[in-house]
C-alpha atoms as a PDB file:
ATOM      1  CA  MET A   1     -84.151  24.329 -12.945  1.00  0.00           C
ATOM      2  CA  ASP A   2     -80.987  24.430 -10.822  1.00  0.00           C
ATOM      3  CA  ILE A   3     -81.559  20.785  -9.934  1.00  0.00           C
ATOM      4  CA  VAL A   4     -81.373  19.882 -13.611  1.00  0.00           C
ATOM      5  CA  LYS A   5     -78.218  21.892 -14.265  1.00  0.00           C
ATOM      6  CA  LYS A   6     -76.132  20.620 -11.362  1.00  0.00           C
ATOM      7  CA  PRO A   7     -75.933  16.977 -12.470  1.00  0.00           C
ATOM      8  CA  SER A   8     -75.114  18.038 -16.045  1.00  0.00           C
ATOM      9  CA  LEU A   9     -72.366  20.368 -14.813  1.00  0.00           C
ATOM     10  CA  LYS A  10     -70.984  17.640 -12.582  1.00  0.00           C
ATOM     11  CA  LYS A  11     -71.081  15.219 -15.497  1.00  0.00           C
ATOM     12  CA  PHE A  12     -69.208  17.720 -17.677  1.00  0.00           C
ATOM     13  CA  PHE A  13     -66.369  18.075 -15.164  1.00  0.00           C
ATOM     14  CA  HIS A  14     -66.334  14.319 -14.619  1.00  0.00           C
ATOM     15  CA  ARG A  15     -66.029  13.515 -18.302  1.00  0.00           C
ATOM     16  CA  ASN A  16     -63.541  16.282 -19.093  1.00  0.00           C
ATOM     17  CA  GLY A  17     -61.528  16.198 -15.895  1.00  0.00           C
ATOM     18  CA  ARG A  18     -58.368  14.907 -17.578  1.00  0.00           C
ATOM     19  CA  ALA A  19     -58.364  17.584 -20.267  1.00  0.00           C
ATOM     20  CA  MET A  20     -59.071  20.262 -17.683  1.00  0.00           C
ATOM     21  CA  GLY A  21     -56.254  18.921 -15.523  1.00  0.00           C
ATOM     22  CA  SER A  22     -53.769  19.269 -18.389  1.00  0.00           C
ATOM     23  CA  MET A  23     -55.121  22.760 -19.041  1.00  0.00           C
ATOM     24  CA  GLY A  24     -54.459  23.522 -15.374  1.00  0.00           C
ATOM     25  CA  TYR A  25     -50.833  22.393 -15.713  1.00  0.00           C
ATOM     26  CA  PHE A  26     -50.454  24.618 -18.771  1.00  0.00           C
ATOM     27  CA  LEU A  27     -51.973  27.705 -17.138  1.00  0.00           C
ATOM     28  CA  LEU A  28     -49.910  27.202 -13.986  1.00  0.00           C
ATOM     29  CA  LEU A  29     -46.763  26.959 -16.099  1.00  0.00           C
ATOM     30  CA  MET A  30     -47.659  30.173 -17.935  1.00  0.00           C
ATOM     31  CA  ILE A  31     -48.233  32.016 -14.653  1.00  0.00           C
ATOM     32  CA  VAL A  32     -44.940  30.817 -13.164  1.00  0.00           C
ATOM     33  CA  PHE A  33     -42.948  31.836 -16.240  1.00  0.00           C
ATOM     34  CA  LEU A  34     -44.793  35.153 -16.526  1.00  0.00           C
ATOM     35  CA  ILE A  35     -43.944  36.006 -12.918  1.00  0.00           C
ATOM     36  CA  GLY A  36     -40.380  34.722 -13.279  1.00  0.00           C
ATOM     37  CA  ALA A  37     -39.517  36.652 -16.448  1.00  0.00           C
ATOM     38  CA  PRO A  38     -42.302  39.088 -17.436  1.00  0.00           C
ATOM     39  CA  GLU A  39     -40.069  41.152 -19.729  1.00  0.00           C
ATOM     40  CA  VAL A  40     -39.117  38.044 -21.717  1.00  0.00           C
ATOM     41  CA  TRP A  41     -42.538  36.439 -21.690  1.00  0.00           C
ATOM     42  CA  ILE A  42     -44.306  39.333 -23.411  1.00  0.00           C
ATOM     43  CA  ARG A  43     -41.981  39.242 -26.419  1.00  0.00           C
ATOM     44  CA  PRO A  44     -43.787  37.982 -29.561  1.00  0.00           C
ATOM     45  CA  ASN A  45     -40.623  36.299 -30.878  1.00  0.00           C
ATOM     46  CA  LEU A  46     -40.611  33.864 -27.971  1.00  0.00           C
ATOM     47  CA  HIS A  47     -44.131  32.658 -28.705  1.00  0.00           C
ATOM     48  CA  GLN A  48     -43.451  32.518 -32.452  1.00  0.00           C
ATOM     49  CA  SER A  49     -40.617  30.070 -31.816  1.00  0.00           C
ATOM     50  CA  VAL A  50     -43.034  27.913 -29.813  1.00  0.00           C
ATOM     51  CA  PHE A  51     -45.593  28.010 -32.625  1.00  0.00           C
ATOM     52  CA  VAL A  52     -42.920  26.720 -35.000  1.00  0.00           C
ATOM     53  CA  MET A  53     -42.153  23.797 -32.669  1.00  0.00           C
ATOM     54  CA  MET A  54     -45.688  22.867 -31.612  1.00  0.00           C
ATOM     55  CA  PRO A  55     -47.035  21.604 -34.975  1.00  0.00           C
ATOM     56  CA  THR A  56     -44.205  19.070 -35.200  1.00  0.00           C
ATOM     57  CA  LEU A  57     -45.083  17.709 -31.764  1.00  0.00           C
ATOM     58  CA  LEU A  58     -48.821  17.760 -32.459  1.00  0.00           C
ATOM     59  CA  PHE A  59     -48.457  15.607 -35.582  1.00  0.00           C
ATOM     60  CA  MET A  60     -46.744  12.973 -33.426  1.00  0.00           C
ATOM     61  CA  VAL A  61     -48.630  13.298 -30.143  1.00  0.00           C
ATOM     62  CA  ILE A  62     -52.236  13.209 -31.361  1.00  0.00           C
ATOM     63  CA  PRO A  63     -51.900   9.849 -33.203  1.00  0.00           C
ATOM     64  CA  LEU A  64     -50.151   8.490 -30.101  1.00  0.00           C
ATOM     65  CA  VAL A  65     -53.305   9.326 -28.125  1.00  0.00           C
ATOM     66  CA  PHE A  66     -55.216   6.919 -30.388  1.00  0.00           C
ATOM     67  CA  LEU A  67     -52.636   4.181 -29.921  1.00  0.00           C
ATOM     68  CA  VAL A  68     -52.213   4.546 -26.156  1.00  0.00           C
ATOM     69  CA  THR A  69     -55.998   4.615 -25.756  1.00  0.00           C
ATOM     70  CA  SER A  70     -56.135   1.294 -27.629  1.00  0.00           C
ATOM     71  CA  GLY A  71     -53.836  -0.187 -24.983  1.00  0.00           C
ATOM     72  CA  GLU A  72     -50.595  -0.196 -26.994  1.00  0.00           C
ATOM     73  CA  ILE A  73     -47.533   2.008 -27.300  1.00  0.00           C
ATOM     74  CA  ASP A  74     -45.068   2.710 -30.105  1.00  0.00           C
ATOM     75  CA  LEU A  75     -41.511   3.939 -29.606  1.00  0.00           C
ATOM     76  CA  SER A  76     -40.509   3.483 -33.240  1.00  0.00           C
ATOM     77  CA  PHE A  77     -42.266   6.694 -34.330  1.00  0.00           C
ATOM     78  CA  ALA A  78     -39.099   8.678 -33.560  1.00  0.00           C
ATOM     79  CA  SER A  79     -37.221   6.686 -36.205  1.00  0.00           C
ATOM     80  CA  THR A  80     -40.173   6.642 -38.614  1.00  0.00           C
ATOM     81  CA  TYR A  81     -39.941  10.435 -38.375  1.00  0.00           C
ATOM     82  CA  GLY A  82     -36.373  10.204 -39.666  1.00  0.00           C
ATOM     83  CA  LEU A  83     -36.983   7.475 -42.255  1.00  0.00           C
ATOM     84  CA  ALA A  84     -39.857   9.323 -43.946  1.00  0.00           C
ATOM     85  CA  ALA A  85     -37.770  12.508 -44.028  1.00  0.00           C
ATOM     86  CA  TYR A  86     -34.910  10.500 -45.553  1.00  0.00           C
ATOM     87  CA  VAL A  87     -37.151   9.095 -48.292  1.00  0.00           C
ATOM     88  CA  PHE A  88     -38.493  12.588 -48.960  1.00  0.00           C
ATOM     89  CA  ALA A  89     -34.974  14.052 -49.184  1.00  0.00           C
ATOM     90  CA  LEU A  90     -33.760  11.249 -51.474  1.00  0.00           C
ATOM     91  CA  LEU A  91     -36.680  11.685 -53.869  1.00  0.00           C
ATOM     92  CA  VAL A  92     -36.313  15.470 -54.006  1.00  0.00           C
ATOM     93  CA  THR A  93     -32.548  15.327 -54.644  1.00  0.00           C
ATOM     94  CA  ALA A  94     -33.230  12.729 -57.365  1.00  0.00           C
ATOM     95  CA  GLY A  95     -35.352  15.285 -59.218  1.00  0.00           C
ATOM     96  CA  ILE A  96     -38.779  14.025 -58.159  1.00  0.00           C
ATOM     97  CA  ASP A  97     -41.420  16.699 -57.658  1.00  0.00           C
ATOM     98  CA  PRO A  98     -41.551  17.633 -53.928  1.00  0.00           C
ATOM     99  CA  LEU A  99     -45.303  16.993 -53.791  1.00  0.00           C
ATOM    100  CA  ILE A 100     -44.844  13.416 -55.034  1.00  0.00           C
ATOM    101  CA  ALA A 101     -41.904  13.045 -52.649  1.00  0.00           C
ATOM    102  CA  PHE A 102     -44.117  14.227 -49.785  1.00  0.00           C
ATOM    103  CA  VAL A 103     -46.744  11.612 -50.639  1.00  0.00           C
ATOM    104  CA  GLY A 104     -43.946   9.043 -50.783  1.00  0.00           C
ATOM    105  CA  GLY A 105     -42.889  10.029 -47.272  1.00  0.00           C
ATOM    106  CA  ILE A 106     -46.436   9.637 -45.970  1.00  0.00           C
ATOM    107  CA  CYS A 107     -46.669   6.191 -47.580  1.00  0.00           C
ATOM    108  CA  THR A 108     -43.374   5.287 -45.908  1.00  0.00           C
ATOM    109  CA  GLY A 109     -44.808   6.215 -42.514  1.00  0.00           C
ATOM    110  CA  ALA A 110     -47.984   4.227 -43.158  1.00  0.00           C
ATOM    111  CA  ILE A 111     -46.028   1.146 -44.264  1.00  0.00           C
ATOM    112  CA  VAL A 112     -43.719   1.255 -41.239  1.00  0.00           C
ATOM    113  CA  GLY A 113     -46.694   1.736 -38.922  1.00  0.00           C
ATOM    114  CA  ALA A 114     -48.551  -1.181 -40.499  1.00  0.00           C
ATOM    115  CA  ALA A 115     -45.447  -3.384 -40.279  1.00  0.00           C
ATOM    116  CA  VAL A 116     -44.875  -2.552 -36.612  1.00  0.00           C
ATOM    117  CA  GLY A 117     -48.553  -3.105 -35.838  1.00  0.00           C
ATOM    118  CA  ALA A 118     -48.652  -6.441 -37.660  1.00  0.00           C
ATOM    119  CA  LEU A 119     -45.466  -7.562 -35.912  1.00  0.00           C
ATOM    120  CA  ILE A 120     -46.971  -6.808 -32.523  1.00  0.00           C
ATOM    121  CA  VAL A 121     -50.543  -7.963 -33.158  1.00  0.00           C
ATOM    122  CA  PHE A 122     -49.890 -11.159 -35.107  1.00  0.00           C
ATOM    123  CA  GLY A 123     -46.580 -11.958 -33.427  1.00  0.00           C
ATOM    124  CA  ARG A 124     -48.134 -11.366 -29.999  1.00  0.00           C
ATOM    125  CA  LEU A 125     -45.124  -9.334 -28.946  1.00  0.00           C
ATOM    126  CA  SER A 126     -44.889  -6.635 -26.311  1.00  0.00           C
ATOM    127  CA  SER A 127     -45.507  -3.323 -28.085  1.00  0.00           C
ATOM    128  CA  LEU A 128     -42.965  -1.608 -25.835  1.00  0.00           C
ATOM    129  CA  VAL A 129     -40.129  -4.041 -26.533  1.00  0.00           C
ATOM    130  CA  ALA A 130     -40.929  -4.705 -30.208  1.00  0.00           C
ATOM    131  CA  SER A 131     -41.253  -1.036 -31.124  1.00  0.00           C
ATOM    132  CA  LEU A 132     -38.033  -0.310 -29.238  1.00  0.00           C
ATOM    133  CA  GLY A 133     -36.297  -2.871 -31.448  1.00  0.00           C
ATOM    134  CA  VAL A 134     -37.738  -1.278 -34.596  1.00  0.00           C
ATOM    135  CA  LEU A 135     -36.672   2.141 -33.301  1.00  0.00           C
ATOM    136  CA  PHE A 136     -33.008   1.106 -33.210  1.00  0.00           C
ATOM    137  CA  LEU A 137     -33.283  -0.984 -36.387  1.00  0.00           C
ATOM    138  CA  ILE A 138     -34.481   1.947 -38.488  1.00  0.00           C
ATOM    139  CA  ARG A 139     -32.124   4.402 -36.823  1.00  0.00           C
ATOM    140  CA  GLY A 140     -29.200   2.083 -37.523  1.00  0.00           C
ATOM    141  CA  PHE A 141     -30.282   1.809 -41.153  1.00  0.00           C
ATOM    142  CA  LEU A 142     -30.322   5.613 -41.439  1.00  0.00           C
ATOM    143  CA  PHE A 143     -26.813   5.935 -40.020  1.00  0.00           C
ATOM    144  CA  VAL A 144     -25.422   3.210 -42.281  1.00  0.00           C
ATOM    145  CA  SER A 145     -27.179   4.300 -45.489  1.00  0.00           C
ATOM    146  CA  THR A 146     -26.234   7.978 -45.073  1.00  0.00           C
ATOM    147  CA  ASN A 147     -22.802   7.334 -43.574  1.00  0.00           C
ATOM    148  CA  SER A 148     -24.027   9.660 -40.785  1.00  0.00           C
ATOM    149  CA  ARG A 149     -24.136  12.579 -43.227  1.00  0.00           C
ATOM    150  CA  SER A 150     -26.904  15.092 -43.758  1.00  0.00           C
ATOM    151  CA  ILE A 151     -28.719  15.802 -47.033  1.00  0.00           C
ATOM    152  CA  THR A 152     -29.319  19.426 -48.033  1.00  0.00           C
ATOM    153  CA  LEU A 153     -32.329  20.298 -50.177  1.00  0.00           C
ATOM    154  CA  LEU A 154     -31.095  23.114 -52.394  1.00  0.00           C
ATOM    155  CA  ASP A 155     -33.669  25.656 -53.591  1.00  0.00           C
ATOM    156  CA  ILE A 156     -36.542  23.750 -51.955  1.00  0.00           C
ATOM    157  CA  ASP A 157     -37.883  27.100 -50.730  1.00  0.00           C
ATOM    158  CA  THR A 158     -38.476  28.183 -54.345  1.00  0.00           C
ATOM    159  CA  HIS A 159     -41.058  25.445 -54.905  1.00  0.00           C
ATOM    160  CA  TRP A 160     -44.716  26.349 -54.443  1.00  0.00           C
ATOM    161  CA  MET A 161     -45.219  23.455 -52.034  1.00  0.00           C
ATOM    162  CA  TYR A 162     -42.732  24.960 -49.580  1.00  0.00           C
ATOM    163  CA  ASN A 163     -44.868  28.068 -49.098  1.00  0.00           C
ATOM    164  CA  LEU A 164     -48.014  25.940 -48.996  1.00  0.00           C
ATOM    165  CA  LEU A 165     -46.722  23.763 -46.147  1.00  0.00           C
ATOM    166  CA  VAL A 166     -44.219  25.791 -44.117  1.00  0.00           C
ATOM    167  CA  GLY A 167     -44.427  29.344 -45.444  1.00  0.00           C
ATOM    168  CA  LYS A 168     -45.952  32.276 -43.575  1.00  0.00           C
ATOM    169  CA  ILE A 169     -49.251  34.133 -43.828  1.00  0.00           C
ATOM    170  CA  TYR A 170     -49.069  37.574 -42.208  1.00  0.00           C
ATOM    171  CA  GLY A 171     -46.225  36.327 -40.038  1.00  0.00           C
ATOM    172  CA  VAL A 172     -48.037  33.167 -38.938  1.00  0.00           C
ATOM    173  CA  PRO A 173     -46.300  29.876 -39.849  1.00  0.00           C
ATOM    174  CA  VAL A 174     -48.524  27.927 -42.251  1.00  0.00           C
ATOM    175  CA  GLN A 175     -47.741  24.688 -40.415  1.00  0.00           C
ATOM    176  CA  VAL A 176     -49.801  26.056 -37.520  1.00  0.00           C
ATOM    177  CA  ILE A 177     -52.846  26.114 -39.813  1.00  0.00           C
ATOM    178  CA  TRP A 178     -52.135  22.564 -40.991  1.00  0.00           C
ATOM    179  CA  ALA A 179     -51.778  21.458 -37.377  1.00  0.00           C
ATOM    180  CA  MET A 180     -55.162  23.022 -36.538  1.00  0.00           C
ATOM    181  CA  ALA A 181     -56.783  21.170 -39.443  1.00  0.00           C
ATOM    182  CA  PHE A 182     -55.136  17.961 -38.236  1.00  0.00           C
ATOM    183  CA  ILE A 183     -56.490  18.552 -34.721  1.00  0.00           C
ATOM    184  CA  ILE A 184     -60.057  19.085 -35.970  1.00  0.00           C
ATOM    185  CA  PHE A 185     -59.899  15.966 -38.142  1.00  0.00           C
ATOM    186  CA  SER A 186     -58.427  13.886 -35.308  1.00  0.00           C
ATOM    187  CA  TYR A 187     -60.956  15.162 -32.771  1.00  0.00           C
ATOM    188  CA  TYR A 188     -63.822  14.068 -35.020  1.00  0.00           C
ATOM    189  CA  LEU A 189     -62.133  10.734 -35.718  1.00  0.00           C
ATOM    190  CA  PHE A 190     -61.497  10.071 -32.031  1.00  0.00           C
ATOM    191  CA  ASN A 191     -64.806  11.223 -30.551  1.00  0.00           C
ATOM    192  CA  ARG A 192     -67.404  10.896 -33.314  1.00  0.00           C
ATOM    193  CA  HIS A 193     -66.212   8.355 -35.883  1.00  0.00           C
ATOM    194  CA  VAL A 194     -66.696   4.599 -35.518  1.00  0.00           C
ATOM    195  CA  PHE A 195     -62.910   4.126 -35.579  1.00  0.00           C
ATOM    196  CA  GLY A 196     -62.510   6.244 -32.447  1.00  0.00           C
ATOM    197  CA  ILE A 197     -65.338   4.390 -30.728  1.00  0.00           C
ATOM    198  CA  HIS A 198     -63.648   1.083 -31.543  1.00  0.00           C
ATOM    199  CA  ILE A 199     -60.340   2.439 -30.209  1.00  0.00           C
ATOM    200  CA  HIS A 200     -61.987   3.148 -26.852  1.00  0.00           C
ATOM    201  CA  HIS A 201     -63.667  -0.256 -26.668  1.00  0.00           C
ATOM    202  CA  VAL A 202     -60.508  -2.147 -27.610  1.00  0.00           C
ATOM    203  CA  GLY A 203     -58.438  -0.279 -25.043  1.00  0.00           C
ATOM    204  CA  ASP A 204     -61.034  -0.796 -22.329  1.00  0.00           C
ATOM    205  CA  ASN A 205     -61.522  -4.539 -22.845  1.00  0.00           C
ATOM    206  CA  GLU A 206     -60.257  -6.467 -25.877  1.00  0.00           C
ATOM    207  CA  VAL A 207     -62.350  -9.559 -25.151  1.00  0.00           C
ATOM    208  CA  SER A 208     -65.582  -7.608 -24.872  1.00  0.00           C
ATOM    209  CA  ALA A 209     -64.704  -5.618 -27.989  1.00  0.00           C
ATOM    210  CA  SER A 210     -64.126  -8.826 -29.935  1.00  0.00           C
ATOM    211  CA  GLN A 211     -67.441 -10.260 -28.724  1.00  0.00           C
ATOM    212  CA  MET A 212     -69.136  -7.086 -29.959  1.00  0.00           C
ATOM    213  CA  GLY A 213     -67.854  -7.875 -33.454  1.00  0.00           C
ATOM    214  CA  ILE A 214     -64.969  -5.413 -33.491  1.00  0.00           C
ATOM    215  CA  ASN A 215     -61.886  -6.558 -35.409  1.00  0.00           C
ATOM    216  CA  VAL A 216     -59.400  -5.849 -32.625  1.00  0.00           C
ATOM    217  CA  LYS A 217     -56.307  -6.613 -34.697  1.00  0.00           C
ATOM    218  CA  ALA A 218     -57.390  -4.361 -37.564  1.00  0.00           C
ATOM    219  CA  VAL A 219     -58.180  -1.494 -35.184  1.00  0.00           C
ATOM    220  CA  LYS A 220     -54.753  -1.706 -33.558  1.00  0.00           C
ATOM    221  CA  ILE A 221     -52.884  -1.925 -36.869  1.00  0.00           C
ATOM    222  CA  LYS A 222     -54.754   1.150 -38.127  1.00  0.00           C
ATOM    223  CA  ALA A 223     -53.755   2.991 -34.948  1.00  0.00           C
ATOM    224  CA  PHE A 224     -50.104   2.066 -35.547  1.00  0.00           C
ATOM    225  CA  MET A 225     -50.433   3.265 -39.140  1.00  0.00           C
ATOM    226  CA  PHE A 226     -51.850   6.585 -37.963  1.00  0.00           C
ATOM    227  CA  VAL A 227     -48.847   7.029 -35.662  1.00  0.00           C
ATOM    228  CA  GLY A 228     -46.523   6.299 -38.589  1.00  0.00           C
ATOM    229  CA  ILE A 229     -48.294   8.810 -40.830  1.00  0.00           C
ATOM    230  CA  GLY A 230     -48.187  11.516 -38.160  1.00  0.00           C
ATOM    231  CA  ALA A 231     -44.479  10.940 -37.537  1.00  0.00           C
ATOM    232  CA  ALA A 232     -43.787  11.036 -41.284  1.00  0.00           C
ATOM    233  CA  ILE A 233     -45.565  14.375 -41.707  1.00  0.00           C
ATOM    234  CA  ALA A 234     -43.687  15.829 -38.730  1.00  0.00           C
ATOM    235  CA  GLY A 235     -40.347  14.642 -40.081  1.00  0.00           C
ATOM    236  CA  MET A 236     -40.900  16.091 -43.531  1.00  0.00           C
ATOM    237  CA  PHE A 237     -42.113  19.404 -42.119  1.00  0.00           C
ATOM    238  CA  THR A 238     -38.898  19.659 -40.110  1.00  0.00           C
ATOM    239  CA  THR A 239     -36.821  18.861 -43.198  1.00  0.00           C
ATOM    240  CA  LEU A 240     -38.625  21.572 -45.157  1.00  0.00           C
ATOM    241  CA  ILE A 241     -38.140  24.142 -42.393  1.00  0.00           C
ATOM    242  CA  THR A 242     -34.410  23.438 -42.042  1.00  0.00           C
ATOM    243  CA  TYR A 243     -33.799  22.632 -45.758  1.00  0.00           C
ATOM    244  CA  THR A 244     -31.834  19.633 -44.473  1.00  0.00           C
ATOM    245  CA  PHE A 245     -32.261  16.002 -43.478  1.00  0.00           C
ATOM    246  CA  PHE A 246     -30.180  14.787 -40.537  1.00  0.00           C
ATOM    247  CA  PRO A 247     -29.795  11.041 -39.736  1.00  0.00           C
ATOM    248  CA  THR A 248     -30.345  11.866 -36.046  1.00  0.00           C
ATOM    249  CA  GLN A 249     -33.574  13.663 -36.879  1.00  0.00           C
ATOM    250  CA  GLY A 250     -36.516  12.877 -34.606  1.00  0.00           C
ATOM    251  CA  PHE A 251     -34.656  10.999 -31.895  1.00  0.00           C
ATOM    252  CA  GLY A 252     -34.912  13.934 -29.507  1.00  0.00           C
ATOM    253  CA  TYR A 253     -38.706  13.918 -29.788  1.00  0.00           C
ATOM    254  CA  LEU A 254     -39.135  10.381 -28.435  1.00  0.00           C
ATOM    255  CA  LEU A 255     -39.498  11.254 -24.760  1.00  0.00           C
ATOM    256  CA  LEU A 256     -40.984  14.705 -25.388  1.00  0.00           C
ATOM    257  CA  ALA A 257     -43.896  13.313 -27.425  1.00  0.00           C
ATOM    258  CA  LEU A 258     -44.638  10.545 -24.922  1.00  0.00           C
ATOM    259  CA  ALA A 259     -44.455  13.065 -22.082  1.00  0.00           C
ATOM    260  CA  ALA A 260     -46.983  15.288 -23.869  1.00  0.00           C
ATOM    261  CA  VAL A 261     -49.377  12.330 -24.228  1.00  0.00           C
ATOM    262  CA  PHE A 262     -49.345  11.512 -20.517  1.00  0.00           C
ATOM    263  CA  ILE A 263     -49.308  15.131 -19.340  1.00  0.00           C
ATOM    264  CA  GLY A 264     -52.226  15.699 -21.708  1.00  0.00           C
ATOM    265  CA  GLY A 265     -54.456  13.352 -19.731  1.00  0.00           C
ATOM    266  CA  THR A 266     -54.206  10.043 -21.608  1.00  0.00           C
ATOM    267  CA  PRO A 267     -53.363   7.306 -19.057  1.00  0.00           C
ATOM    268  CA  TYR A 268     -50.966   4.547 -20.017  1.00  0.00           C
ATOM    269  CA  TRP A 269     -53.384   1.687 -19.225  1.00  0.00           C
ATOM    270  CA  GLY A 270     -55.668   2.352 -22.213  1.00  0.00           C
ATOM    271  CA  GLY A 271     -59.390   2.810 -22.676  1.00  0.00           C
ATOM    272  CA  LEU A 272     -59.256   6.563 -22.129  1.00  0.00           C
ATOM    273  CA  GLY A 273     -57.790   9.474 -24.024  1.00  0.00           C
ATOM    274  CA  THR A 274     -58.272  13.143 -24.782  1.00  0.00           C
ATOM    275  CA  ILE A 275     -57.323  15.125 -27.878  1.00  0.00           C
ATOM    276  CA  VAL A 276     -57.937  18.482 -26.205  1.00  0.00           C
ATOM    277  CA  GLY A 277     -55.761  17.472 -23.271  1.00  0.00           C
ATOM    278  CA  ALA A 278     -53.005  16.403 -25.660  1.00  0.00           C
ATOM    279  CA  ILE A 279     -52.920  19.917 -27.120  1.00  0.00           C
ATOM    280  CA  PHE A 280     -52.292  21.361 -23.663  1.00  0.00           C
ATOM    281  CA  GLY A 281     -49.744  18.618 -23.034  1.00  0.00           C
ATOM    282  CA  VAL A 282     -47.853  19.709 -26.136  1.00  0.00           C
ATOM    283  CA  GLY A 283     -48.107  23.303 -24.949  1.00  0.00           C
ATOM    284  CA  VAL A 284     -46.577  22.379 -21.589  1.00  0.00           C
ATOM    285  CA  ILE A 285     -43.651  20.569 -23.229  1.00  0.00           C
ATOM    286  CA  ALA A 286     -43.064  23.254 -25.874  1.00  0.00           C
ATOM    287  CA  TYR A 287     -43.062  26.113 -23.388  1.00  0.00           C
ATOM    288  CA  MET A 288     -41.030  24.144 -20.864  1.00  0.00           C
ATOM    289  CA  GLU A 289     -38.270  23.812 -23.466  1.00  0.00           C
ATOM    290  CA  ILE A 290     -37.779  27.574 -23.618  1.00  0.00           C
ATOM    291  CA  GLY A 291     -39.400  28.771 -20.396  1.00  0.00           C
ATOM    292  CA  VAL A 292     -36.791  27.310 -18.059  1.00  0.00           C
ATOM    293  CA  VAL A 293     -34.045  29.221 -19.858  1.00  0.00           C
ATOM    294  CA  ALA A 294     -36.196  32.358 -20.122  1.00  0.00           C
ATOM    295  CA  VAL A 295     -36.533  32.631 -16.323  1.00  0.00           C
ATOM    296  CA  GLY A 296     -32.768  32.412 -15.936  1.00  0.00           C
ATOM    297  CA  MET A 297     -32.338  28.751 -15.022  1.00  0.00           C
ATOM    298  CA  SER A 298     -29.939  26.350 -16.695  1.00  0.00           C
ATOM    299  CA  GLY A 299     -31.360  24.365 -19.606  1.00  0.00           C
ATOM    300  CA  THR A 300     -30.373  21.184 -17.772  1.00  0.00           C
ATOM    301  CA  TRP A 301     -33.380  21.708 -15.483  1.00  0.00           C
ATOM    302  CA  ARG A 302     -35.833  21.052 -18.329  1.00  0.00           C
ATOM    303  CA  GLN A 303     -35.746  17.275 -18.016  1.00  0.00           C
ATOM    304  CA  PHE A 304     -36.164  17.518 -14.245  1.00  0.00           C
ATOM    305  CA  PHE A 305     -39.339  19.575 -14.546  1.00  0.00           C
ATOM    306  CA  ASN A 306     -40.662  17.449 -17.426  1.00  0.00           C
ATOM    307  CA  GLY A 307     -40.248  14.373 -15.241  1.00  0.00           C
ATOM    308  CA  LEU A 308     -41.914  16.080 -12.290  1.00  0.00           C
ATOM    309  CA  ILE A 309     -44.928  17.092 -14.375  1.00  0.00           C
ATOM    310  CA  ILE A 310     -45.256  13.561 -15.792  1.00  0.00           C
ATOM    311  CA  LEU A 311     -45.316  12.083 -12.277  1.00  0.00           C
ATOM    312  CA  LEU A 312     -47.917  14.618 -11.168  1.00  0.00           C
ATOM    313  CA  ALA A 313     -49.995  13.837 -14.259  1.00  0.00           C
ATOM    314  CA  LEU A 314     -49.853  10.086 -13.602  1.00  0.00           C
ATOM    315  CA  MET A 315     -50.943  10.603  -9.998  1.00  0.00           C
ATOM    316  CA  GLY A 316     -53.765  12.747 -11.306  1.00  0.00           C
ATOM    317  CA  HIS A 317     -54.808   9.913 -13.640  1.00  0.00           C
ATOM    318  CA  ARG A 318     -55.078   7.576 -10.667  1.00  0.00           C
ATOM    319  CA  LEU A 319     -57.042  10.067  -8.582  1.00  0.00           C
ATOM    320  CA  HIS A 320     -59.399  10.492 -11.532  1.00  0.00           C
ATOM    321  CA  GLY A 321     -59.387   6.762 -12.108  1.00  0.00           C
ATOM    322  CA  ASP A 322     -63.053   6.210 -12.965  1.00  0.00           C
ATOM    323  CA  ARG A 323     -63.409   5.070 -16.548  1.00  0.00           C
ATOM    324  CA  VAL A 324     -65.985   7.372 -18.003  1.00  0.00           C
ATOM    325  CA  ARG A 325     -67.502   7.000 -21.443  1.00  0.00           C
END
């Protein structure tokens, strides 16, 4: 009986090594911070602030796992985050019902994602360079159209949708519940649905995927759309939480979200990805943002440690380089 169990256990660790590696980074970080500042680390308020930040990152990072697994990358999501929030704020201040405005923001994200995907797929452009161009194009539009001024949503917290999306239930931010639902949906989509299977095949070998009858271009455009939708939701959640749209909104998440993807066990070369690992990757980034300061170090060290963890994660990807299905 032991002979039967050993191969299955070995197979489990082999298939889930990347997710377990990101979990290891997260646990190690927790131990270091707990030892460094135990009196701070046991305070509930510290973890509540992380739980407010994590859903925003999760809505951006998880769709990026799909896209990076397909062999592409999108930098424009940071500006899509701002554009969708801008559309939402404009519609609300114009008297449109916030729920309709929220749907409008999601549609904005989907349209931008589809446009970026089509530009890259049909134009045969580098996804890195093309999405970088779109990133600055949209951000420039936001600065010009708003004259670099913010938009305040007065009395938005009195609308029922505010409590539904970003209110609190027994002290727990509702956006945490929405993020959990998003994780469950994405996990099924990535690991059980035909779309996720196609994502893996396309990222592993486009030619083989095409010969299998998979519409490679359609799969990639859908992945770009998913990234746009996730960024749009994150942007509007932030606007609801702060009651304000800022034209610089989302730009600071560009490197943080990408870092969470790679720390979470999704390698940059495509064909492989992990939703569970991405959750731990987000946890590492979110806690790093406050943990460095909590242990008494200067906040300027955060980028140093983020970079160090990314390099360690990439080396781990190479050491665990077998492509397992």
